[in-house]
Protein backbone atom coordinates (compact mmCIF):
# COMPACT_ATOMS: atom_id res chain seq x y z
CA MET A 1 57.32 -31.75 4.69
CA PRO A 2 58.21 -34.17 1.83
CA GLY A 3 58.87 -37.23 4.03
CA GLN A 4 55.54 -37.05 5.80
CA GLY A 5 53.70 -39.03 3.13
CA ALA A 6 56.33 -41.75 3.19
CA LEU A 7 56.05 -42.04 6.96
CA LEU A 8 52.29 -42.23 6.74
CA LEU A 9 52.53 -44.98 4.13
CA LEU A 10 55.05 -46.87 6.25
CA ALA A 11 52.76 -46.65 9.29
CA PHE A 12 49.80 -47.88 7.24
CA VAL A 13 51.75 -50.84 5.84
CA GLY A 14 52.99 -51.71 9.32
CA LEU A 15 49.47 -51.60 10.70
CA VAL A 16 48.18 -53.87 7.92
CA VAL A 17 50.98 -56.36 8.55
CA VAL A 18 50.27 -56.44 12.29
CA VAL A 19 46.54 -56.92 11.72
CA LEU A 20 47.15 -59.78 9.26
CA LEU A 21 49.59 -61.51 11.59
CA VAL A 22 47.18 -61.27 14.52
CA LEU A 23 44.34 -62.49 12.32
CA LEU A 24 46.33 -65.50 11.16
CA GLN A 25 47.56 -66.29 14.65
CA LEU A 26 44.36 -66.00 16.66
CA THR A 27 41.52 -67.05 14.37
CA ARG A 28 40.27 -70.26 12.82
CA LEU A 29 41.32 -68.98 9.40
CA GLY A 30 44.95 -69.10 10.49
CA TYR A 31 44.54 -72.66 11.74
CA VAL A 32 42.96 -73.75 8.47
CA ILE A 33 45.73 -72.15 6.42
CA GLN A 34 48.43 -73.74 8.58
CA THR A 35 46.92 -77.22 8.33
CA THR A 36 46.18 -77.16 4.60
CA THR A 37 49.49 -75.79 3.32
CA PRO A 38 52.36 -78.27 3.17
CA GLY A 39 55.19 -77.57 5.55
CA PRO A 40 58.92 -77.92 5.01
CA LYS A 41 58.89 -81.53 6.25
CA SER A 42 56.80 -82.67 3.27
CA MET A 43 59.78 -82.18 0.92
CA PRO A 44 63.02 -84.16 0.92
CA ALA A 45 66.06 -82.16 2.04
CA ARG A 46 67.70 -82.21 -1.39
CA ARG A 47 64.63 -80.73 -3.10
CA ARG A 48 64.30 -78.07 -0.36
CA TRP A 49 67.92 -77.10 -0.95
CA THR A 50 67.40 -76.98 -4.73
CA CYS A 51 64.28 -74.85 -4.39
CA SER A 52 65.99 -72.40 -2.07
CA THR A 53 68.88 -71.71 -4.45
C-alpha cells in the first residue's frame, strides 16, 4: 500500500510532538525555558505588530 509509509511517518511525528509537549509542560526544563525566554509583554505593541507582518 503506497500510503502506509506516509501514515507511519505522520504517526511518528505526532508521537514526537506529544512527547515534547509533555516534556516541556511537566518538567523543570519547560519551566526554565518559559522563564528565560521573553514573552509577548516584553515588546511594545507597535513592534509586536511590525514583527508579525
